[in-house]
Amino acid sequence: MKVLGVESVGAGVNNQIRGIVLEASKGGEIPCTREEFLKATDGQLLDRTNFDSDVAFEKAISKAVASFCSETAKDSTPDFVVLPFNHAGTEKEGENVDKLSKYLKSAFKDNGVNVKTLVLGSKLYDYKDVDLVNIGKHQLTDAEEKTLNANPRLKNKTILTLGVPSNLSWLRINQEANNPVRQQELNQYKDKKTILFSLGGATENNAIRFELDDAKKLLKYGLKLKSEGYDIVFTNSPRTPNDVTDYLFENSQKFGFNFYNSKKIVEPKEAENNLRVYSGKFNKEFEEQALKTGGNIYPAILSVSDMVINTHDSFSYTSDAAVLGIPSIVYAENKIDFEKRQDCKKLFEICEKGNHIVSLPKAIQLISCQKEVKTEGMKPVNEQIVVAMNNLDNANTINKFRLSSNGR
């Protein structure tokens, strides 16, 4: 099956879409995707809020699809298009994604291609022009679960999952780790107990905050774990604030920890009003580090991590560590507005109850008592979604055959 993604503003969401693209292509040809996902021909993201009117939105989608189809071999056009859902978007996000689906299907049909669509990680919305909807169990309130169960049409095309997809696999991790440049960097962790702090961050709407107080707490936790014989490694992510990045990098050097930057490094002007890029006190140091490590070392560092500590806001604790079978620990002390992001709270509670994760204080207590930190693995969300996509494809093929047979 060939799958194409619509590019999102969120790097994490784009990686989730890549995970589905790769899963769908297993056993097939090269995935139907490009280095950049589908977006407007002028580089604008295909998000309704970026356009003045529905007419302008539809026109941009039509041009993007026509350009894509003209550059893509006929047998490499997609069967499915995966649509992102922006949880920090407007109240009309569901309506806007439904329009995106409608216009995409129409544009592909104009180019002789029939596609189906899937919305990834959606909130509950009664879609009319979407074929499949992925909703995380943690994203539904009790009232919304009742609403979904009372709507057979929507329920039949909804895929409920725990957690989010990932484009990580042990194959990719080992390939990254075996890169000669990274291998040289990773040699220092051989035969050592290593704990990775994989940091999430803030959101633009302040529903999730990640502040210097959190950085100070994480350093204290790191020092405690170091006293128990562990090597400590920090990595940031695109949403990790720059002041937190600077503080942790500077203090990691003082305490004998390693800190690896994963944010794109830019000039100060480029960083204005853009949380997801880095411009701070250590531009030069991070540029030198990138040369030394071959770029973002996060996937490779997992190969030497005995445990991974994620932050409460980052759903990668379900898509990465837990799925890979690495003991998954969560720091849940950064400030989150649970009225806006109840999904963060609910996911943590479900995962903790299912022993898929352990809270950081509990993990430290276990380690201090010389007890092993164990967590239960999780079934990859990628697989669950692609199975549903294949089932829909097969059902449509059977229905077409039946209609064809009845028409004879």
Protein backbone atom coordinates (compact mmCIF):
# COMPACT_ATOMS: atom_id res chain seq x y z
CA MET A 1 0.00 0.00 0.00
CA LYS A 2 1.26 3.48 -0.86
CA VAL A 3 0.67 6.29 1.59
CA LEU A 4 1.29 10.02 1.35
CA GLY A 5 1.25 12.52 4.20
CA VAL A 6 0.17 16.14 4.38
CA GLU A 7 2.91 18.12 6.10
CA SER A 8 2.16 19.54 9.55
CA VAL A 9 3.70 22.35 11.56
CA GLY A 10 4.69 19.77 14.19
CA ALA A 11 7.87 17.76 13.68
CA GLY A 12 6.49 15.08 16.01
CA VAL A 13 3.30 14.72 13.96
CA ASN A 14 5.33 14.48 10.76
CA ASN A 15 7.37 11.67 12.29
CA GLN A 16 4.15 9.91 13.27
CA ILE A 17 2.96 10.14 9.66
CA ARG A 18 6.33 8.79 8.46
CA GLY A 19 5.81 5.83 10.75
CA ILE A 20 2.55 4.99 8.98
CA VAL A 21 4.11 5.53 5.54
CA LEU A 22 6.94 3.13 6.36
CA GLU A 23 4.65 0.54 7.96
CA ALA A 24 2.32 0.59 4.95
CA SER A 25 5.21 0.11 2.53
CA LYS A 26 6.58 -3.04 4.17
CA GLY A 27 7.03 -5.74 1.57
CA GLY A 28 6.23 -3.24 -1.17
CA GLU A 29 8.13 -0.77 -3.26
CA ILE A 30 9.62 2.51 -2.10
CA PRO A 31 7.03 4.43 -0.05
CA CYS A 32 4.98 6.98 -1.95
CA THR A 33 6.37 10.00 -0.20
CA ARG A 34 8.98 12.67 -0.78
CA GLU A 35 11.56 14.25 1.46
CA GLU A 36 8.95 16.94 2.02
CA PHE A 37 5.33 15.93 2.48
CA LEU A 38 2.52 17.34 0.40
CA LYS A 39 2.13 21.09 0.79
CA ALA A 40 1.26 24.10 -1.39
CA THR A 41 3.47 24.77 -4.41
CA ASP A 42 4.69 27.99 -2.74
CA GLY A 43 5.77 26.01 0.35
CA GLN A 44 2.77 26.97 2.48
CA LEU A 45 1.34 24.26 4.72
CA LEU A 46 -2.06 22.99 3.59
CA ASP A 47 -3.88 24.21 6.68
CA ARG A 48 -7.16 26.10 6.24
CA THR A 49 -6.03 28.81 8.68
CA ASN A 50 -3.23 29.77 6.27
CA PHE A 51 -5.70 30.83 3.56
CA ASP A 52 -8.15 33.73 3.29
CA SER A 53 -11.04 31.65 1.97
CA ASP A 54 -12.21 28.14 1.17
CA VAL A 55 -11.76 28.99 -2.52
CA ALA A 56 -8.08 29.89 -1.98
CA PHE A 57 -7.62 26.76 0.15
CA GLU A 58 -9.14 24.48 -2.50
CA LYS A 59 -7.12 26.13 -5.27
CA ALA A 60 -3.85 25.62 -3.36
CA ILE A 61 -4.69 21.94 -2.79
CA SER A 62 -5.57 21.48 -6.46
CA LYS A 63 -2.23 22.96 -7.55
CA ALA A 64 -0.27 20.91 -5.00
CA VAL A 65 -1.88 17.66 -6.09
CA ALA A 66 -1.45 18.43 -9.80
CA SER A 67 2.24 19.17 -9.21
CA PHE A 68 2.66 15.99 -7.18
CA CYS A 69 0.95 13.81 -9.79
CA SER A 70 2.98 15.33 -12.62
CA GLU A 71 6.22 14.40 -10.80
CA THR A 72 5.09 10.93 -9.70
CA ALA A 73 4.88 7.76 -11.77
CA LYS A 74 1.31 6.57 -12.28
CA ASP A 75 1.95 3.31 -10.41
CA SER A 76 3.40 5.24 -7.47
CA THR A 77 0.42 7.43 -6.68
CA PRO A 78 -1.02 6.98 -3.17
CA ASP A 79 -3.83 4.74 -2.02
CA PHE A 80 -4.20 6.74 1.20
CA VAL A 81 -3.39 10.29 2.29
CA VAL A 82 -2.77 10.82 6.02
CA LEU A 83 -4.02 14.14 7.38
CA PRO A 84 -2.61 15.80 10.53
CA PHE A 85 -4.84 17.15 13.28
CA ASN A 86 -3.51 20.22 15.09
CA HIS A 87 -4.52 20.02 18.76
CA ALA A 88 -3.36 23.59 19.27
CA GLY A 89 -5.51 24.75 16.36
CA THR A 90 -8.83 26.58 16.36
CA GLU A 91 -12.23 25.23 17.39
CA LYS A 92 -12.85 24.64 13.69
CA GLU A 93 -9.94 22.20 13.32
CA GLY A 94 -12.23 19.19 12.69
CA GLU A 95 -14.25 21.11 10.12
CA ASN A 96 -11.08 22.34 8.42
CA VAL A 97 -9.55 18.85 8.23
CA ASP A 98 -12.80 17.56 6.74
CA LYS A 99 -12.51 20.24 4.02
CA LEU A 100 -8.88 19.27 3.45
CA SER A 101 -9.99 15.69 2.88
CA LYS A 102 -12.80 16.70 0.53
CA TYR A 103 -10.60 18.96 -1.59
CA LEU A 104 -7.74 16.43 -1.70
CA LYS A 105 -9.99 13.62 -2.92
CA SER A 106 -11.48 15.89 -5.59
CA ALA A 107 -8.05 17.10 -6.73
CA PHE A 108 -6.62 13.58 -6.98
CA LYS A 109 -9.74 12.44 -8.87
CA ASP A 110 -9.19 15.28 -11.36
CA ASN A 111 -5.76 13.73 -11.95
CA GLY A 112 -7.17 10.24 -12.45
CA VAL A 113 -6.35 8.94 -8.96
CA ASN A 114 -8.80 7.70 -6.33
CA VAL A 115 -7.49 8.13 -2.80
CA LYS A 116 -8.85 7.50 0.67
CA THR A 117 -8.00 9.62 3.68
CA LEU A 118 -7.16 9.02 7.32
CA VAL A 119 -7.02 11.68 10.03
CA LEU A 120 -4.24 10.98 12.51
CA GLY A 121 -4.63 11.59 16.25
CA SER A 122 -7.91 13.44 15.89
CA LYS A 123 -10.25 14.83 18.49
CA LEU A 124 -13.83 13.56 18.24
CA TYR A 125 -15.52 15.15 15.22
CA ASP A 126 -18.33 13.91 12.99
CA TYR A 127 -16.35 13.80 9.73
CA LYS A 128 -18.29 13.59 6.47
CA ASP A 129 -15.47 13.40 3.90
CA VAL A 130 -12.88 11.26 5.72
CA ASP A 131 -12.62 7.47 5.31
CA LEU A 132 -10.82 6.57 8.56
CA VAL A 133 -10.26 8.45 11.80
CA ASN A 134 -7.55 7.61 14.32
CA ILE A 135 -8.40 8.77 17.83
CA GLY A 136 -6.27 8.10 20.87
CA LYS A 137 -8.20 6.59 23.75
CA HIS A 138 -6.59 9.26 25.91
CA GLN A 139 -8.14 11.97 23.74
CA LEU A 140 -11.73 11.03 24.55
CA THR A 141 -13.66 12.24 27.59
CA ASP A 142 -16.31 9.95 29.10
CA ALA A 143 -19.01 12.04 27.41
CA GLU A 144 -17.23 11.78 24.05
CA GLU A 145 -16.98 7.99 24.37
CA LYS A 146 -20.77 7.87 24.80
CA THR A 147 -21.20 10.17 21.79
CA LEU A 148 -18.95 7.98 19.66
CA ASN A 149 -20.76 4.78 20.68
CA ALA A 150 -24.08 6.42 19.77
CA ASN A 151 -22.86 7.28 16.24
CA PRO A 152 -22.47 3.97 14.32
CA ARG A 153 -21.35 5.70 11.12
CA LEU A 154 -18.46 7.47 12.83
CA LYS A 155 -17.66 4.54 15.11
CA ASN A 156 -17.29 2.18 12.14
CA LYS A 157 -14.53 4.31 10.64
CA THR A 158 -12.77 5.13 13.91
CA ILE A 159 -9.54 3.41 14.98
CA LEU A 160 -9.04 3.78 18.74
CA THR A 161 -5.41 3.41 19.82
CA LEU A 162 -3.31 4.00 22.91
CA GLY A 163 -0.43 6.32 22.15
CA VAL A 164 0.79 7.55 18.78
CA PRO A 165 2.64 6.10 15.76
CA SER A 166 6.42 6.26 15.45
CA ASN A 167 8.95 6.14 12.65
CA LEU A 168 11.46 4.48 14.97
CA SER A 169 12.40 0.80 14.82
CA TRP A 170 15.35 -1.22 16.07
CA LEU A 171 16.49 -1.54 12.45
CA ARG A 172 16.68 2.23 12.05
CA ILE A 173 18.22 2.73 15.51
CA ASN A 174 20.99 0.21 14.82
CA GLN A 175 21.63 1.66 11.37
CA GLU A 176 22.05 5.11 12.91
CA ALA A 177 24.22 3.74 15.72
CA ASN A 178 26.48 1.93 13.25
CA ASN A 179 27.26 5.13 11.37
CA PRO A 180 31.05 5.50 11.88
CA VAL A 181 30.78 9.07 13.22
CA ARG A 182 28.04 8.21 15.71
CA GLN A 183 29.66 4.92 16.61
CA GLN A 184 32.74 6.80 17.77
CA GLU A 185 30.56 9.05 19.95
CA LEU A 186 28.63 6.11 21.40
CA ASN A 187 31.75 4.14 22.36
CA GLN A 188 31.91 6.09 25.64
CA TYR A 189 28.69 4.39 26.80
CA LYS A 190 29.77 0.81 26.18
CA ASP A 191 29.64 -1.41 29.25
CA LYS A 192 28.04 1.42 31.25
CA LYS A 193 24.55 1.87 32.67
CA THR A 194 23.03 4.78 30.77
CA ILE A 195 19.80 6.71 31.32
CA LEU A 196 18.49 9.03 28.62
CA PHE A 197 16.40 12.09 29.51
CA SER A 198 14.40 12.76 26.33
CA LEU A 199 12.83 16.19 26.77
CA GLY A 200 9.56 17.43 25.37
CA GLY A 201 8.65 21.06 25.81
CA ALA A 202 6.12 23.85 25.65
CA THR A 203 3.31 24.61 23.23
CA GLU A 204 2.69 27.95 21.54
CA ASN A 205 -0.71 28.37 23.26
CA ASN A 206 0.83 27.84 26.74
CA ALA A 207 -1.42 24.85 27.41
CA ILE A 208 1.85 23.03 28.11
CA ARG A 209 4.74 24.79 29.82
CA PHE A 210 8.31 23.66 30.35
CA GLU A 211 10.31 26.06 32.46
CA LEU A 212 13.65 26.57 34.19
CA ASP A 213 12.16 25.14 37.41
CA ASP A 214 11.60 21.89 35.51
CA ALA A 215 15.18 21.96 34.23
CA LYS A 216 16.46 22.40 37.81
CA LYS A 217 14.33 19.48 39.03
CA LEU A 218 15.56 17.27 36.18
CA LEU A 219 19.17 18.09 37.06
CA LYS A 220 18.54 17.01 40.66
CA TYR A 221 16.98 13.77 39.45
CA GLY A 222 19.98 13.29 37.15
CA LEU A 223 22.41 13.77 40.03
CA LYS A 224 20.51 11.26 42.13
CA LEU A 225 20.67 8.69 39.33
CA LYS A 226 24.35 9.42 38.77
CA SER A 227 24.98 8.64 42.44
CA GLU A 228 23.39 5.24 41.75
CA GLY A 229 26.01 4.51 39.09
CA TYR A 230 24.31 5.67 35.88
CA ASP A 231 25.71 7.77 33.05
CA ILE A 232 23.24 10.61 32.35
CA VAL A 233 22.39 11.89 28.88
CA PHE A 234 19.99 14.71 27.97
CA THR A 235 18.49 15.37 24.53
CA ASN A 236 16.10 18.18 23.73
CA SER A 237 13.36 18.27 21.10
CA PRO A 238 11.95 20.98 18.80
CA ARG A 239 9.53 22.11 21.54
CA THR A 240 12.13 22.41 24.31
CA PRO A 241 12.44 26.14 25.13
CA ASN A 242 15.81 27.70 24.38
CA ASP A 243 16.38 28.98 27.91
CA VAL A 244 15.82 25.43 29.22
CA THR A 245 18.17 24.09 26.54
CA ASP A 246 20.88 26.60 27.51
CA TYR A 247 20.49 25.93 31.24
CA LEU A 248 20.67 22.16 30.90
CA PHE A 249 23.58 22.21 28.44
CA GLU A 250 25.60 24.54 30.65
CA ASN A 251 24.93 22.60 33.85
CA SER A 252 25.34 19.18 32.24
CA GLN A 253 28.94 20.12 31.56
CA LYS A 254 29.42 21.02 35.23
CA PHE A 255 28.00 17.74 36.53
CA GLY A 256 29.57 15.34 34.04
CA PHE A 257 26.40 14.71 32.02
CA ASN A 258 26.16 14.79 28.24
CA PHE A 259 23.64 17.03 26.48
CA TYR A 260 22.85 16.61 22.77
CA ASN A 261 20.96 19.30 20.86
CA SER A 262 18.26 18.19 18.41
CA LYS A 263 16.90 21.62 17.47
CA LYS A 264 17.62 23.32 14.17
CA ILE A 265 20.21 26.06 14.71
CA VAL A 266 19.36 29.46 13.21
CA GLU A 267 20.34 33.11 13.41
CA PRO A 268 18.58 35.22 16.07
CA LYS A 269 16.24 36.93 13.57
CA GLU A 270 15.01 33.58 12.28
CA ALA A 271 14.20 32.47 15.83
CA GLU A 272 11.79 35.32 16.56
CA ASN A 273 8.37 33.94 17.55
CA ASN A 274 9.48 30.42 16.60
CA LEU A 275 9.67 28.04 19.53
CA ARG A 276 10.83 25.14 17.39
CA VAL A 277 14.28 26.39 16.37
CA TYR A 278 17.39 27.16 18.42
CA SER A 279 19.22 30.44 18.71
CA GLY A 280 20.89 30.97 22.06
CA LYS A 281 24.16 31.17 23.92
CA PHE A 282 25.56 28.00 22.39
CA ASN A 283 24.99 28.24 18.63
CA LYS A 284 28.68 27.67 17.93
CA GLU A 285 28.99 24.78 20.39
CA PHE A 286 25.91 23.04 18.97
CA GLU A 287 27.13 23.48 15.40
CA GLU A 288 30.43 21.85 16.39
CA GLN A 289 28.54 19.11 18.22
CA ALA A 290 26.44 18.37 15.11
CA LEU A 291 29.62 17.85 13.08
CA LYS A 292 31.02 15.58 15.77
CA THR A 293 27.89 13.43 16.12
CA GLY A 294 26.65 13.47 12.52
CA GLY A 295 23.57 15.53 13.35
CA ASN A 296 20.66 14.49 15.56
CA ILE A 297 21.93 11.61 17.69
CA TYR A 298 18.58 10.82 19.37
CA PRO A 299 17.70 7.63 17.47
CA ALA A 300 21.24 6.25 17.84
CA ILE A 301 21.51 7.02 21.56
CA LEU A 302 18.56 4.69 22.20
CA SER A 303 20.82 1.77 21.29
CA VAL A 304 22.86 2.32 24.49
CA SER A 305 20.03 3.45 26.79
CA ASP A 306 19.05 1.15 29.65
CA MET A 307 16.09 3.38 30.47
CA VAL A 308 14.43 6.43 28.90
CA ILE A 309 12.91 9.28 30.89
CA ASN A 310 10.40 11.34 28.92
CA THR A 311 8.45 14.39 30.02
CA HIS A 312 4.71 14.34 30.68
CA ASP A 313 3.86 16.39 27.59
CA SER A 314 5.64 14.14 25.10
CA PHE A 315 3.68 11.16 23.79
CA SER A 316 6.93 9.62 22.58
CA TYR A 317 6.97 7.66 25.84
CA THR A 318 4.32 5.48 24.19
CA SER A 319 5.59 5.57 20.61
CA ASP A 320 9.31 5.06 21.28
CA ALA A 321 10.57 3.54 24.52
CA ALA A 322 7.52 1.45 25.43
CA VAL A 323 7.13 0.06 21.90
CA LEU A 324 10.86 -0.67 21.62
CA GLY A 325 10.85 -2.55 24.91
CA ILE A 326 13.07 -0.07 26.78
CA PRO A 327 11.89 0.64 30.36
CA SER A 328 9.87 3.85 30.06
CA ILE A 329 9.89 6.46 32.83
CA VAL A 330 7.93 9.73 32.86
CA TYR A 331 8.59 13.08 34.54
CA ALA A 332 5.10 14.46 35.22
CA GLU A 333 5.83 17.70 37.05
CA ASN A 334 5.84 20.27 34.26
CA LYS A 335 2.76 22.52 34.17
CA ILE A 336 -0.08 21.48 31.89
CA ASP A 337 -3.51 23.09 31.59
CA PHE A 338 -5.59 19.93 31.83
CA GLU A 339 -8.75 21.74 30.76
CA LYS A 340 -7.12 22.32 27.40
CA ARG A 341 -4.97 19.17 27.34
CA GLN A 342 -6.78 16.52 29.37
CA ASP A 343 -5.29 14.02 26.89
CA CYS A 344 -1.87 14.39 28.56
CA LYS A 345 -3.29 13.53 31.96
CA LYS A 346 -5.42 10.66 30.70
CA LEU A 347 -2.62 9.06 28.66
CA PHE A 348 -0.29 9.13 31.66
CA GLU A 349 -2.94 7.55 33.89
CA ILE A 350 -3.84 4.80 31.40
CA CYS A 351 -0.19 3.96 30.75
CA GLU A 352 0.72 3.97 34.43
CA LYS A 353 -2.24 1.73 35.27
CA GLY A 354 -1.21 -0.68 32.51
CA ASN A 355 2.42 -0.65 33.75
CA HIS A 356 3.60 0.70 30.39
CA ILE A 357 5.39 3.48 32.26
CA VAL A 358 6.73 4.26 35.74
CA SER A 359 6.73 7.76 37.23
CA LEU A 360 10.18 9.24 37.76
CA PRO A 361 9.98 9.45 41.59
CA LYS A 362 8.85 5.81 41.77
CA ALA A 363 11.64 4.73 39.40
CA ILE A 364 14.24 6.46 41.57
CA GLN A 365 12.79 4.80 44.66
CA LEU A 366 13.09 1.39 42.99
CA ILE A 367 16.65 2.07 41.86
CA SER A 368 17.62 3.29 45.34
CA CYS A 369 16.36 -0.02 46.75
CA GLN A 370 18.42 -1.94 44.17
CA LYS A 371 15.23 -3.07 42.41
CA GLU A 372 14.80 -3.39 38.65
CA VAL A 373 12.60 -0.89 36.80
CA LYS A 374 10.33 -2.89 34.51
CA THR A 375 7.56 -1.73 32.18
CA GLU A 376 5.21 -3.60 29.88
CA GLY A 377 5.73 -3.15 26.15
CA MET A 378 3.03 -1.76 23.87
CA LYS A 379 1.75 -2.84 20.47
CA PRO A 380 2.89 -0.33 17.82
CA VAL A 381 0.12 2.06 16.82
CA ASN A 382 1.52 2.05 13.26
CA GLU A 383 0.55 -1.60 12.86
CA GLN A 384 -2.97 -1.12 14.21
CA ILE A 385 -3.66 1.78 11.84
CA VAL A 386 -2.23 0.09 8.75
CA VAL A 387 -4.25 -3.08 9.45
CA ALA A 388 -7.42 -0.94 9.45
CA MET A 389 -6.33 0.77 6.23
CA ASN A 390 -5.72 -2.58 4.56
CA ASN A 391 -9.06 -3.92 5.80
CA LEU A 392 -10.86 -0.94 4.29
CA ASP A 393 -8.96 -1.38 1.02
CA ASN A 394 -9.87 -5.08 0.91
CA ALA A 395 -13.53 -4.39 1.75
CA ASN A 396 -13.74 -1.82 -1.05
CA THR A 397 -12.17 -4.28 -3.50
CA ILE A 398 -14.70 -6.97 -2.54
CA ASN A 399 -17.60 -4.52 -2.87
CA LYS A 400 -16.41 -3.41 -6.30
CA PHE A 401 -16.18 -7.06 -7.39
CA ARG A 402 -19.70 -7.73 -6.13
CA LEU A 403 -21.08 -4.71 -7.95
CA SER A 404 -19.27 -5.74 -11.09
CA SER A 405 -20.61 -9.30 -10.80
CA ASN A 406 -24.18 -8.13 -10.19
CA GLY A 407 -23.99 -5.91 -13.24
CA ARG A 408 -23.16 -8.74 -15.61
